[in-house]
């Protein structure tokens, strides 16, 4: 078991999709698609979780988070209630939540 898991309990993995206005309204400005993900990456690093985030063609933000259960739960709360400063979160769906024996990622990144 990794030092991260030993320090904080069981490791968890969860997939997510965030619905709402995640700067997609400004999609004509190329950088606007990047900013929600920048905030997600920043929060993930602050909390100490790993995984990825990606904008979808349907205007949602999707990804996966892995880490100690308490930190994954904190990230789930952030994804459900806070998000980027200019976002409006209507709902967040979580799926495939499970306990894992090791992390599949070494950091948190934006996928394109």
N, C-alpha and C. Protein backbone atom coordinates (compact mmCIF):
# COMPACT_ATOMS: atom_id res chain seq x y z
N UNK A 1 0.86 -1.18 0.00
CA UNK A 1 0.00 0.00 0.00
C UNK A 1 0.90 1.24 0.00
N UNK A 2 0.53 2.26 -0.75
CA UNK A 2 1.34 3.47 -0.83
C UNK A 2 1.32 4.25 0.47
N UNK A 3 2.31 5.12 0.64
CA UNK A 3 2.37 5.98 1.83
C UNK A 3 1.14 6.87 1.89
N UNK A 4 0.67 7.31 0.72
CA UNK A 4 -0.53 8.16 0.65
C UNK A 4 -1.73 7.42 1.21
N UNK A 5 -1.88 6.17 0.83
CA UNK A 5 -3.02 5.38 1.31
C UNK A 5 -2.90 5.10 2.80
N UNK A 6 -1.70 4.76 3.26
CA UNK A 6 -1.50 4.47 4.68
C UNK A 6 -1.82 5.68 5.54
N UNK A 7 -1.46 6.87 5.05
CA UNK A 7 -1.66 8.09 5.83
C UNK A 7 -3.13 8.48 5.89
N UNK A 8 -3.90 8.18 4.87
CA UNK A 8 -5.26 8.71 4.81
C UNK A 8 -6.35 7.67 4.66
N UNK A 9 -6.06 6.39 4.79
CA UNK A 9 -7.09 5.37 4.66
C UNK A 9 -7.16 4.79 3.27
N UNK A 10 -8.27 4.15 2.96
CA UNK A 10 -8.44 3.46 1.68
C UNK A 10 -8.40 4.42 0.50
N UNK A 11 -7.89 3.92 -0.62
CA UNK A 11 -7.88 4.69 -1.86
C UNK A 11 -9.20 4.49 -2.60
N UNK A 12 -9.72 5.55 -3.17
CA UNK A 12 -10.97 5.51 -3.93
C UNK A 12 -10.73 6.08 -5.33
N UNK A 13 -11.59 5.67 -6.24
CA UNK A 13 -11.62 6.19 -7.60
C UNK A 13 -13.07 6.50 -7.93
N UNK A 14 -13.30 7.61 -8.61
CA UNK A 14 -14.66 7.97 -9.02
C UNK A 14 -14.61 8.76 -10.33
N UNK A 15 -15.53 8.46 -11.23
CA UNK A 15 -15.71 9.23 -12.46
C UNK A 15 -16.76 10.30 -12.19
N UNK A 16 -16.66 11.43 -12.90
CA UNK A 16 -17.62 12.50 -12.70
C UNK A 16 -17.95 13.20 -14.01
N UNK A 17 -19.12 13.85 -14.03
CA UNK A 17 -19.53 14.72 -15.13
C UNK A 17 -20.29 15.88 -14.51
N UNK A 18 -19.84 17.09 -14.83
CA UNK A 18 -20.44 18.30 -14.28
C UNK A 18 -21.30 18.95 -15.37
N UNK A 19 -22.55 19.25 -15.02
CA UNK A 19 -23.50 19.88 -15.94
C UNK A 19 -23.78 21.29 -15.45
N UNK A 20 -23.89 22.22 -16.37
CA UNK A 20 -24.17 23.61 -16.03
C UNK A 20 -23.47 24.52 -17.00
N UNK A 21 -23.19 25.72 -16.53
CA UNK A 21 -22.45 26.66 -17.37
C UNK A 21 -21.03 26.69 -16.86
N UNK A 22 -20.15 26.04 -17.60
CA UNK A 22 -18.75 25.97 -17.20
C UNK A 22 -17.91 26.77 -18.20
N UNK A 23 -18.26 28.03 -18.36
CA UNK A 23 -17.58 28.92 -19.31
C UNK A 23 -17.84 28.54 -20.76
N UNK A 24 -18.72 27.58 -21.02
CA UNK A 24 -19.00 27.17 -22.39
C UNK A 24 -19.70 28.28 -23.16
N UNK A 25 -20.41 29.16 -22.45
CA UNK A 25 -21.07 30.28 -23.10
C UNK A 25 -20.06 31.13 -23.86
N UNK A 26 -18.83 31.15 -23.38
CA UNK A 26 -17.78 31.94 -24.02
C UNK A 26 -16.92 31.10 -24.94
N UNK A 27 -17.47 30.03 -25.48
CA UNK A 27 -16.70 29.08 -26.27
C UNK A 27 -16.05 29.69 -27.50
N UNK A 28 -16.54 30.84 -27.96
CA UNK A 28 -15.93 31.49 -29.11
C UNK A 28 -14.53 32.00 -28.78
N UNK A 29 -14.29 32.22 -27.52
CA UNK A 29 -12.95 32.62 -27.09
C UNK A 29 -12.21 31.34 -26.76
N UNK A 30 -11.19 31.01 -27.51
CA UNK A 30 -10.52 29.72 -27.40
C UNK A 30 -10.10 29.40 -25.97
N UNK A 31 -9.57 30.34 -25.24
CA UNK A 31 -9.07 30.07 -23.90
C UNK A 31 -10.18 29.77 -22.91
N UNK A 32 -11.41 30.16 -23.22
CA UNK A 32 -12.48 29.95 -22.24
C UNK A 32 -12.69 28.49 -21.92
N UNK A 33 -12.42 27.60 -22.88
CA UNK A 33 -12.56 26.17 -22.59
C UNK A 33 -11.50 25.70 -21.61
N UNK A 34 -10.39 26.38 -21.54
CA UNK A 34 -9.31 25.95 -20.67
C UNK A 34 -9.55 26.30 -19.21
N UNK A 35 -10.13 27.45 -18.95
CA UNK A 35 -10.19 27.95 -17.58
C UNK A 35 -10.91 27.05 -16.58
N UNK A 36 -12.07 26.44 -16.88
CA UNK A 36 -12.68 25.57 -15.88
C UNK A 36 -11.73 24.44 -15.48
N UNK A 37 -11.02 23.91 -16.45
CA UNK A 37 -10.10 22.82 -16.18
C UNK A 37 -8.92 23.29 -15.35
N UNK A 38 -8.46 24.50 -15.58
CA UNK A 38 -7.36 25.05 -14.80
C UNK A 38 -7.74 25.09 -13.32
N UNK A 39 -8.94 25.53 -13.01
CA UNK A 39 -9.38 25.59 -11.62
C UNK A 39 -9.55 24.19 -11.03
N UNK A 40 -10.03 23.25 -11.84
CA UNK A 40 -10.18 21.88 -11.38
C UNK A 40 -8.82 21.27 -11.06
N UNK A 41 -7.85 21.48 -11.97
CA UNK A 41 -6.49 20.99 -11.72
C UNK A 41 -5.92 21.60 -10.44
N UNK A 42 -6.09 22.89 -10.29
CA UNK A 42 -5.57 23.59 -9.11
C UNK A 42 -6.17 23.03 -7.81
N UNK A 43 -7.48 22.82 -7.80
CA UNK A 43 -8.14 22.30 -6.60
C UNK A 43 -7.69 20.86 -6.33
N UNK A 44 -7.56 20.05 -7.38
CA UNK A 44 -7.12 18.67 -7.21
C UNK A 44 -5.72 18.62 -6.60
N UNK A 45 -4.85 19.45 -7.09
CA UNK A 45 -3.48 19.48 -6.55
C UNK A 45 -3.47 19.96 -5.10
N UNK A 46 -4.31 20.95 -4.81
CA UNK A 46 -4.40 21.47 -3.45
C UNK A 46 -4.87 20.37 -2.49
N UNK A 47 -5.84 19.57 -2.93
CA UNK A 47 -6.39 18.51 -2.08
C UNK A 47 -5.51 17.26 -2.05
N UNK A 48 -4.64 17.11 -3.05
CA UNK A 48 -3.77 15.95 -3.09
C UNK A 48 -4.40 14.73 -3.74
N UNK A 49 -5.28 14.95 -4.74
CA UNK A 49 -5.85 13.84 -5.50
C UNK A 49 -5.24 13.83 -6.90
N UNK A 50 -5.38 12.71 -7.59
CA UNK A 50 -4.86 12.57 -8.95
C UNK A 50 -6.01 12.23 -9.89
N UNK A 51 -5.75 12.35 -11.19
CA UNK A 51 -6.76 12.01 -12.18
C UNK A 51 -6.68 12.92 -13.38
N UNK A 52 -7.86 13.23 -13.94
CA UNK A 52 -7.90 14.06 -15.14
C UNK A 52 -9.24 14.77 -15.26
N UNK A 53 -9.26 15.77 -16.15
CA UNK A 53 -10.47 16.55 -16.44
C UNK A 53 -10.48 16.85 -17.93
N UNK A 54 -11.68 16.96 -18.50
CA UNK A 54 -11.81 17.22 -19.94
C UNK A 54 -13.15 17.88 -20.23
N UNK A 55 -13.16 18.84 -21.13
CA UNK A 55 -14.41 19.42 -21.63
C UNK A 55 -14.97 18.47 -22.69
N UNK A 56 -16.30 18.30 -22.70
CA UNK A 56 -16.93 17.47 -23.71
C UNK A 56 -17.57 18.34 -24.78
N UNK A 57 -17.87 17.74 -25.90
CA UNK A 57 -18.53 18.47 -26.98
C UNK A 57 -19.97 18.83 -26.62
N UNK A 58 -20.53 18.20 -25.57
CA UNK A 58 -21.88 18.50 -25.12
C UNK A 58 -21.90 19.67 -24.13
N UNK A 59 -20.74 20.24 -23.83
CA UNK A 59 -20.69 21.38 -22.92
C UNK A 59 -20.58 21.02 -21.45
N UNK A 60 -20.26 19.76 -21.16
CA UNK A 60 -20.06 19.35 -19.78
C UNK A 60 -18.57 19.21 -19.52
N UNK A 61 -18.23 18.99 -18.26
CA UNK A 61 -16.86 18.71 -17.87
C UNK A 61 -16.86 17.33 -17.26
N UNK A 62 -15.96 16.46 -17.73
CA UNK A 62 -15.91 15.08 -17.26
C UNK A 62 -14.50 14.73 -16.81
N UNK A 63 -14.39 13.68 -16.03
CA UNK A 63 -13.07 13.26 -15.60
C UNK A 63 -13.11 12.14 -14.58
N UNK A 64 -11.96 11.93 -13.97
CA UNK A 64 -11.82 10.90 -12.95
C UNK A 64 -10.92 11.43 -11.84
N UNK A 65 -11.26 11.09 -10.61
CA UNK A 65 -10.48 11.49 -9.44
C UNK A 65 -10.12 10.24 -8.66
N UNK A 66 -8.86 10.18 -8.19
CA UNK A 66 -8.41 9.07 -7.36
C UNK A 66 -7.60 9.62 -6.19
N UNK A 67 -7.68 8.92 -5.07
CA UNK A 67 -6.90 9.30 -3.90
C UNK A 67 -7.52 8.74 -2.64
N UNK A 68 -7.02 9.18 -1.49
CA UNK A 68 -7.62 8.75 -0.23
C UNK A 68 -9.09 9.16 -0.18
N UNK A 69 -9.90 8.32 0.44
CA UNK A 69 -11.36 8.53 0.45
C UNK A 69 -11.76 9.93 0.91
N UNK A 70 -11.16 10.43 1.98
CA UNK A 70 -11.55 11.75 2.48
C UNK A 70 -11.21 12.86 1.49
N UNK A 71 -10.11 12.71 0.77
CA UNK A 71 -9.72 13.73 -0.21
C UNK A 71 -10.58 13.64 -1.47
N UNK A 72 -10.93 12.43 -1.87
CA UNK A 72 -11.83 12.26 -3.01
C UNK A 72 -13.20 12.86 -2.67
N UNK A 73 -13.66 12.62 -1.45
CA UNK A 73 -14.95 13.20 -1.03
C UNK A 73 -14.90 14.73 -1.03
N UNK A 74 -13.77 15.31 -0.61
CA UNK A 74 -13.63 16.77 -0.64
C UNK A 74 -13.66 17.28 -2.08
N UNK A 75 -13.04 16.55 -3.00
CA UNK A 75 -13.05 16.95 -4.41
C UNK A 75 -14.45 16.80 -4.99
N UNK A 76 -15.17 15.75 -4.60
CA UNK A 76 -16.56 15.58 -5.06
C UNK A 76 -17.41 16.76 -4.61
N UNK A 77 -17.23 17.20 -3.39
CA UNK A 77 -17.97 18.35 -2.87
C UNK A 77 -17.65 19.60 -3.67
N UNK A 78 -16.38 19.82 -3.96
CA UNK A 78 -15.96 20.99 -4.74
C UNK A 78 -16.57 20.94 -6.14
N UNK A 79 -16.53 19.76 -6.77
CA UNK A 79 -17.09 19.61 -8.12
C UNK A 79 -18.60 19.84 -8.13
N UNK A 80 -19.27 19.53 -7.02
CA UNK A 80 -20.73 19.66 -6.94
C UNK A 80 -21.19 21.06 -6.57
N UNK A 81 -20.38 21.79 -5.80
CA UNK A 81 -20.86 23.04 -5.21
C UNK A 81 -20.07 24.28 -5.58
N UNK A 82 -18.81 24.14 -5.95
CA UNK A 82 -17.96 25.33 -6.14
C UNK A 82 -17.59 25.53 -7.60
N UNK A 83 -16.71 24.70 -8.13
CA UNK A 83 -16.26 24.82 -9.52
C UNK A 83 -15.45 26.08 -9.76
N UNK A 84 -15.30 26.43 -11.03
CA UNK A 84 -14.54 27.64 -11.36
C UNK A 84 -15.36 28.88 -11.02
N UNK A 85 -14.70 30.02 -10.82
CA UNK A 85 -15.41 31.22 -10.37
C UNK A 85 -16.59 31.65 -11.24
N UNK A 86 -16.50 31.44 -12.55
CA UNK A 86 -17.58 31.90 -13.42
C UNK A 86 -18.55 30.79 -13.81
N UNK A 87 -18.43 29.64 -13.17
CA UNK A 87 -19.31 28.53 -13.53
C UNK A 87 -20.61 28.56 -12.74
N UNK A 88 -21.62 27.90 -13.28
CA UNK A 88 -22.87 27.65 -12.57
C UNK A 88 -23.10 26.15 -12.66
N UNK A 89 -23.08 25.47 -11.55
CA UNK A 89 -23.22 24.02 -11.54
C UNK A 89 -24.68 23.67 -11.33
N UNK A 90 -25.27 23.00 -12.33
CA UNK A 90 -26.66 22.53 -12.21
C UNK A 90 -26.72 21.20 -11.49
N UNK A 91 -25.81 20.29 -11.87
CA UNK A 91 -25.73 19.00 -11.19
C UNK A 91 -24.39 18.34 -11.54
N UNK A 92 -23.99 17.41 -10.70
CA UNK A 92 -22.79 16.63 -10.95
C UNK A 92 -23.14 15.16 -10.77
N UNK A 93 -22.84 14.36 -11.77
CA UNK A 93 -23.08 12.92 -11.70
C UNK A 93 -21.77 12.22 -11.37
N UNK A 94 -21.82 11.31 -10.40
CA UNK A 94 -20.67 10.50 -10.06
C UNK A 94 -21.00 9.06 -10.38
N UNK A 95 -20.02 8.33 -10.92
CA UNK A 95 -20.25 6.93 -11.28
C UNK A 95 -18.96 6.14 -11.08
N UNK A 96 -19.11 4.83 -11.12
CA UNK A 96 -17.97 3.91 -11.00
C UNK A 96 -17.12 4.17 -9.76
N UNK A 97 -17.76 4.56 -8.65
CA UNK A 97 -17.01 4.79 -7.42
C UNK A 97 -16.62 3.44 -6.83
N UNK A 98 -15.33 3.30 -6.56
CA UNK A 98 -14.84 2.02 -6.05
C UNK A 98 -13.55 2.20 -5.26
N UNK A 99 -13.26 1.23 -4.44
CA UNK A 99 -11.99 1.19 -3.73
C UNK A 99 -10.95 0.61 -4.68
N UNK A 100 -9.75 1.17 -4.66
CA UNK A 100 -8.67 0.70 -5.53
C UNK A 100 -7.44 0.38 -4.67
N UNK A 101 -6.58 -0.47 -5.19
CA UNK A 101 -5.38 -0.86 -4.43
C UNK A 101 -4.20 0.07 -4.71
N UNK A 102 -4.23 0.74 -5.88
CA UNK A 102 -3.15 1.67 -6.21
C UNK A 102 -3.68 2.74 -7.15
N UNK A 103 -2.99 3.87 -7.17
CA UNK A 103 -3.39 4.98 -8.04
C UNK A 103 -2.98 4.68 -9.48
N UNK A 104 -3.82 5.05 -10.43
CA UNK A 104 -3.53 4.87 -11.85
C UNK A 104 -2.82 6.07 -12.45
N UNK A 105 -2.75 7.17 -11.72
CA UNK A 105 -2.16 8.41 -12.22
C UNK A 105 -1.14 8.93 -11.23
N UNK A 106 -0.19 9.71 -11.74
CA UNK A 106 0.83 10.28 -10.84
C UNK A 106 0.54 11.75 -10.54
N UNK A 107 -0.43 12.33 -11.23
CA UNK A 107 -0.77 13.73 -11.03
C UNK A 107 -2.18 13.99 -11.54
N UNK A 108 -2.51 15.26 -11.71
CA UNK A 108 -3.82 15.63 -12.23
C UNK A 108 -3.60 16.45 -13.49
N UNK A 109 -4.27 16.07 -14.59
CA UNK A 109 -4.02 16.74 -15.86
C UNK A 109 -5.31 17.04 -16.62
N UNK A 110 -5.19 17.93 -17.58
CA UNK A 110 -6.27 18.26 -18.50
C UNK A 110 -6.09 17.44 -19.76
N UNK A 111 -7.15 16.79 -20.19
CA UNK A 111 -7.13 16.05 -21.45
C UNK A 111 -7.84 16.87 -22.51
N UNK A 112 -7.40 16.71 -23.76
CA UNK A 112 -8.00 17.45 -24.87
C UNK A 112 -8.54 16.52 -25.91
